Amino acid sequence: MVLYTCGQKKALGQFGHPCGRAARALDEAGHDYEIRTVKGYRLALWQRASRKADRAEVTRLSGTPEVPILVLDDGAVISDSSKIVRWASDNPTSS
């Protein structure tokens, strides 16, 4: 399974960054996953010109350039940190 995140990856930051929340939920549920970071921060003005290209794969997979998204081993895609957290909670590993 692959978790696409921004450059924050697993960092939660002061306000609980969405990418960090998704990663933490997967960790707590015992999942092994690959993290793929994408460029194109929404608020980074210098990245606006390349954001569409930088996030083309994420958009192709989920229909939106926003991260985090989780791609399951069967190819299913879960977008939005709250949905990823819920999925991880509902699907812990058995080990």
N, C-alpha and C. Protein backbone atom coordinates (compact mmCIF):
# COMPACT_ATOMS: atom_id res chain seq x y z
N MET A 1 0.85 -1.16 0.00
CA MET A 1 0.00 0.00 0.00
C MET A 1 0.89 1.22 0.00
N VAL A 2 0.38 2.30 -0.56
CA VAL A 2 1.16 3.52 -0.73
C VAL A 2 0.38 4.70 -0.17
N LEU A 3 1.04 5.48 0.68
CA LEU A 3 0.46 6.72 1.20
C LEU A 3 1.16 7.88 0.52
N TYR A 4 0.40 8.66 -0.22
CA TYR A 4 0.94 9.87 -0.87
C TYR A 4 0.75 11.03 0.10
N THR A 5 1.83 11.75 0.35
CA THR A 5 1.79 12.88 1.28
C THR A 5 2.52 14.08 0.68
N CYS A 6 2.36 15.20 1.34
CA CYS A 6 3.19 16.36 1.01
C CYS A 6 4.54 16.15 1.68
N GLY A 7 5.38 17.12 1.64
CA GLY A 7 6.70 17.02 2.24
C GLY A 7 6.71 16.87 3.74
N GLN A 8 5.58 17.06 4.38
CA GLN A 8 5.50 16.89 5.84
C GLN A 8 5.60 15.43 6.25
N LYS A 9 5.26 14.52 5.35
CA LYS A 9 5.29 13.07 5.57
C LYS A 9 4.54 12.71 6.85
N LYS A 10 5.26 12.29 7.88
CA LYS A 10 4.63 11.84 9.13
C LYS A 10 4.55 12.93 10.19
N ALA A 11 5.01 14.12 9.88
CA ALA A 11 5.01 15.20 10.88
C ALA A 11 3.58 15.62 11.19
N LEU A 12 3.30 15.80 12.46
CA LEU A 12 1.97 16.26 12.86
C LEU A 12 1.92 17.77 13.00
N GLY A 13 3.03 18.37 13.38
CA GLY A 13 3.04 19.82 13.55
C GLY A 13 2.15 20.27 14.69
N GLN A 14 2.05 21.53 14.86
CA GLN A 14 1.31 22.12 15.97
C GLN A 14 -0.19 21.85 15.89
N PHE A 15 -0.72 21.78 14.68
CA PHE A 15 -2.17 21.66 14.52
C PHE A 15 -2.62 20.31 13.97
N GLY A 16 -1.77 19.31 14.00
CA GLY A 16 -2.15 17.98 13.53
C GLY A 16 -2.29 17.90 12.03
N HIS A 17 -1.19 18.03 11.33
CA HIS A 17 -1.19 18.03 9.87
C HIS A 17 -1.89 16.79 9.32
N PRO A 18 -2.73 16.93 8.29
CA PRO A 18 -3.48 15.79 7.74
C PRO A 18 -2.61 14.62 7.29
N CYS A 19 -1.48 14.89 6.66
CA CYS A 19 -0.62 13.80 6.21
C CYS A 19 -0.06 13.03 7.40
N GLY A 20 0.32 13.75 8.44
CA GLY A 20 0.82 13.12 9.65
C GLY A 20 -0.25 12.30 10.36
N ARG A 21 -1.48 12.82 10.38
CA ARG A 21 -2.58 12.07 11.02
C ARG A 21 -2.83 10.75 10.29
N ALA A 22 -2.82 10.79 8.96
CA ALA A 22 -3.03 9.57 8.19
C ALA A 22 -1.91 8.56 8.44
N ALA A 23 -0.67 9.02 8.41
CA ALA A 23 0.47 8.13 8.65
C ALA A 23 0.43 7.55 10.05
N ARG A 24 0.13 8.35 11.03
CA ARG A 24 0.07 7.87 12.42
C ARG A 24 -1.01 6.80 12.57
N ALA A 25 -2.17 7.01 11.95
CA ALA A 25 -3.25 6.03 12.04
C ALA A 25 -2.82 4.69 11.43
N LEU A 26 -2.14 4.74 10.29
CA LEU A 26 -1.66 3.50 9.66
C LEU A 26 -0.63 2.82 10.55
N ASP A 27 0.28 3.61 11.14
CA ASP A 27 1.28 3.04 12.05
C ASP A 27 0.61 2.38 13.25
N GLU A 28 -0.34 3.07 13.85
CA GLU A 28 -1.02 2.54 15.04
C GLU A 28 -1.82 1.28 14.73
N ALA A 29 -2.32 1.17 13.49
CA ALA A 29 -3.07 -0.02 13.09
C ALA A 29 -2.14 -1.15 12.65
N GLY A 30 -0.82 -0.89 12.61
CA GLY A 30 0.15 -1.93 12.30
C GLY A 30 0.40 -2.18 10.83
N HIS A 31 0.05 -1.23 9.98
CA HIS A 31 0.21 -1.42 8.54
C HIS A 31 1.62 -1.08 8.08
N ASP A 32 2.12 -1.87 7.13
CA ASP A 32 3.35 -1.54 6.41
C ASP A 32 2.93 -0.82 5.15
N TYR A 33 3.60 0.26 4.83
CA TYR A 33 3.23 1.04 3.65
C TYR A 33 4.43 1.84 3.19
N GLU A 34 4.37 2.23 1.95
CA GLU A 34 5.39 3.09 1.36
C GLU A 34 4.86 4.53 1.38
N ILE A 35 5.73 5.47 1.68
CA ILE A 35 5.36 6.88 1.59
C ILE A 35 5.95 7.46 0.32
N ARG A 36 5.11 8.11 -0.47
CA ARG A 36 5.57 8.85 -1.64
C ARG A 36 5.19 10.31 -1.44
N THR A 37 6.18 11.16 -1.46
CA THR A 37 5.90 12.58 -1.28
C THR A 37 5.72 13.24 -2.63
N VAL A 38 4.86 14.23 -2.63
CA VAL A 38 4.63 15.02 -3.84
C VAL A 38 4.90 16.48 -3.52
N LYS A 39 5.35 17.20 -4.52
CA LYS A 39 5.59 18.63 -4.38
C LYS A 39 4.29 19.38 -4.63
N GLY A 40 4.36 20.68 -4.53
CA GLY A 40 3.23 21.50 -4.91
C GLY A 40 2.38 21.97 -3.74
N TYR A 41 3.04 22.48 -2.70
CA TYR A 41 2.28 23.04 -1.58
C TYR A 41 1.35 24.13 -2.08
N ARG A 42 0.14 24.09 -1.63
CA ARG A 42 -0.88 25.05 -2.06
C ARG A 42 -0.48 26.49 -1.71
N LEU A 43 0.11 26.70 -0.56
CA LEU A 43 0.43 28.06 -0.12
C LEU A 43 1.82 28.53 -0.53
N ALA A 44 2.60 27.66 -1.17
CA ALA A 44 3.93 28.05 -1.63
C ALA A 44 3.81 28.67 -3.02
N LEU A 45 3.83 29.97 -3.07
CA LEU A 45 3.61 30.67 -4.33
C LEU A 45 4.59 30.26 -5.42
N TRP A 46 5.83 29.96 -5.05
CA TRP A 46 6.85 29.60 -6.02
C TRP A 46 6.60 28.21 -6.61
N GLN A 47 5.69 27.42 -6.04
CA GLN A 47 5.38 26.09 -6.57
C GLN A 47 4.08 26.06 -7.36
N ARG A 48 3.38 27.16 -7.40
CA ARG A 48 2.08 27.19 -8.08
C ARG A 48 2.17 26.82 -9.56
N ALA A 49 3.21 27.27 -10.23
CA ALA A 49 3.34 27.01 -11.66
C ALA A 49 3.52 25.52 -11.96
N SER A 50 4.17 24.79 -11.06
CA SER A 50 4.45 23.37 -11.31
C SER A 50 3.53 22.43 -10.54
N ARG A 51 2.62 22.97 -9.75
CA ARG A 51 1.76 22.12 -8.89
C ARG A 51 0.98 21.08 -9.69
N LYS A 52 0.38 21.47 -10.80
CA LYS A 52 -0.43 20.54 -11.58
C LYS A 52 0.41 19.36 -12.06
N ALA A 53 1.59 19.64 -12.58
CA ALA A 53 2.47 18.57 -13.05
C ALA A 53 3.01 17.73 -11.89
N ASP A 54 3.37 18.39 -10.80
CA ASP A 54 3.92 17.69 -9.64
C ASP A 54 2.92 16.72 -9.02
N ARG A 55 1.64 17.04 -9.16
CA ARG A 55 0.61 16.21 -8.53
C ARG A 55 -0.26 15.46 -9.54
N ALA A 56 0.25 15.31 -10.75
CA ALA A 56 -0.52 14.64 -11.80
C ALA A 56 -0.87 13.21 -11.43
N GLU A 57 0.05 12.47 -10.84
CA GLU A 57 -0.23 11.08 -10.47
C GLU A 57 -1.31 11.01 -9.40
N VAL A 58 -1.23 11.89 -8.41
CA VAL A 58 -2.25 11.93 -7.35
C VAL A 58 -3.62 12.26 -7.95
N THR A 59 -3.65 13.22 -8.84
CA THR A 59 -4.91 13.60 -9.49
C THR A 59 -5.47 12.45 -10.32
N ARG A 60 -4.60 11.76 -11.03
CA ARG A 60 -5.04 10.61 -11.83
C ARG A 60 -5.64 9.52 -10.94
N LEU A 61 -5.04 9.29 -9.80
CA LEU A 61 -5.50 8.23 -8.90
C LEU A 61 -6.78 8.59 -8.16
N SER A 62 -6.88 9.86 -7.73
CA SER A 62 -7.98 10.22 -6.82
C SER A 62 -8.97 11.24 -7.38
N GLY A 63 -8.61 11.88 -8.48
CA GLY A 63 -9.48 12.92 -9.03
C GLY A 63 -9.26 14.28 -8.41
N THR A 64 -8.33 14.39 -7.50
CA THR A 64 -8.02 15.65 -6.85
C THR A 64 -6.51 15.74 -6.61
N PRO A 65 -5.94 16.94 -6.63
CA PRO A 65 -4.51 17.07 -6.36
C PRO A 65 -4.17 17.07 -4.87
N GLU A 66 -5.17 16.96 -4.03
CA GLU A 66 -4.95 17.06 -2.58
C GLU A 66 -4.43 15.75 -2.00
N VAL A 67 -3.55 15.86 -1.03
CA VAL A 67 -3.03 14.72 -0.29
C VAL A 67 -3.39 14.92 1.19
N PRO A 68 -3.45 13.87 1.96
CA PRO A 68 -2.99 12.52 1.67
C PRO A 68 -4.03 11.70 0.91
N ILE A 69 -3.51 10.74 0.17
CA ILE A 69 -4.34 9.67 -0.38
C ILE A 69 -3.64 8.36 -0.08
N LEU A 70 -4.44 7.32 0.08
CA LEU A 70 -3.91 5.99 0.34
C LEU A 70 -4.36 5.08 -0.79
N VAL A 71 -3.40 4.39 -1.40
CA VAL A 71 -3.70 3.42 -2.45
C VAL A 71 -3.48 2.04 -1.84
N LEU A 72 -4.57 1.29 -1.74
CA LEU A 72 -4.50 -0.05 -1.16
C LEU A 72 -3.90 -1.03 -2.14
N ASP A 73 -3.51 -2.19 -1.65
CA ASP A 73 -2.88 -3.20 -2.50
C ASP A 73 -3.79 -3.66 -3.63
N ASP A 74 -5.10 -3.59 -3.42
CA ASP A 74 -6.03 -4.00 -4.48
C ASP A 74 -6.33 -2.88 -5.47
N GLY A 75 -5.67 -1.72 -5.29
CA GLY A 75 -5.85 -0.59 -6.19
C GLY A 75 -6.90 0.42 -5.76
N ALA A 76 -7.66 0.10 -4.72
CA ALA A 76 -8.65 1.05 -4.20
C ALA A 76 -7.94 2.28 -3.65
N VAL A 77 -8.56 3.44 -3.81
CA VAL A 77 -7.97 4.70 -3.38
C VAL A 77 -8.86 5.34 -2.32
N ILE A 78 -8.22 5.76 -1.23
CA ILE A 78 -8.93 6.47 -0.18
C ILE A 78 -8.33 7.87 -0.09
N SER A 79 -9.16 8.88 -0.30
CA SER A 79 -8.73 10.28 -0.23
C SER A 79 -9.24 10.90 1.06
N ASP A 80 -8.47 11.83 1.61
CA ASP A 80 -8.85 12.59 2.80
C ASP A 80 -8.35 11.89 4.06
N SER A 81 -7.68 12.66 4.89
CA SER A 81 -7.07 12.08 6.08
C SER A 81 -8.10 11.44 7.01
N SER A 82 -9.27 12.05 7.17
CA SER A 82 -10.26 11.47 8.09
C SER A 82 -10.74 10.11 7.59
N LYS A 83 -10.87 9.95 6.28
CA LYS A 83 -11.28 8.65 5.73
C LYS A 83 -10.17 7.62 5.86
N ILE A 84 -8.92 8.06 5.72
CA ILE A 84 -7.78 7.15 5.90
C ILE A 84 -7.70 6.71 7.35
N VAL A 85 -7.86 7.65 8.27
CA VAL A 85 -7.84 7.32 9.70
C VAL A 85 -8.95 6.31 10.02
N ARG A 86 -10.14 6.55 9.50
CA ARG A 86 -11.27 5.64 9.75
C ARG A 86 -10.98 4.25 9.17
N TRP A 87 -10.44 4.20 7.94
CA TRP A 87 -10.12 2.92 7.32
C TRP A 87 -9.10 2.18 8.16
N ALA A 88 -8.04 2.86 8.61
CA ALA A 88 -7.00 2.22 9.41
C ALA A 88 -7.57 1.67 10.71
N SER A 89 -8.45 2.44 11.34
CA SER A 89 -9.07 2.00 12.59
C SER A 89 -9.96 0.78 12.36
N ASP A 90 -10.67 0.76 11.24
CA ASP A 90 -11.57 -0.35 10.93
C ASP A 90 -10.84 -1.58 10.39
N ASN A 91 -9.57 -1.43 9.99
CA ASN A 91 -8.83 -2.51 9.36
C ASN A 91 -7.43 -2.68 9.96
N PRO A 92 -7.35 -2.93 11.26
CA PRO A 92 -6.02 -3.14 11.85
C PRO A 92 -5.43 -4.46 11.36
N THR A 93 -4.10 -4.55 11.39
CA THR A 93 -3.48 -5.81 11.01
C THR A 93 -3.68 -6.80 12.16
N SER A 94 -3.57 -8.05 11.87
CA SER A 94 -3.80 -9.08 12.89
C SER A 94 -2.54 -9.38 13.68
N SER A 95 -1.41 -8.83 13.28
CA SER A 95 -0.16 -9.13 14.00
C SER A 95 0.08 -8.17 15.13
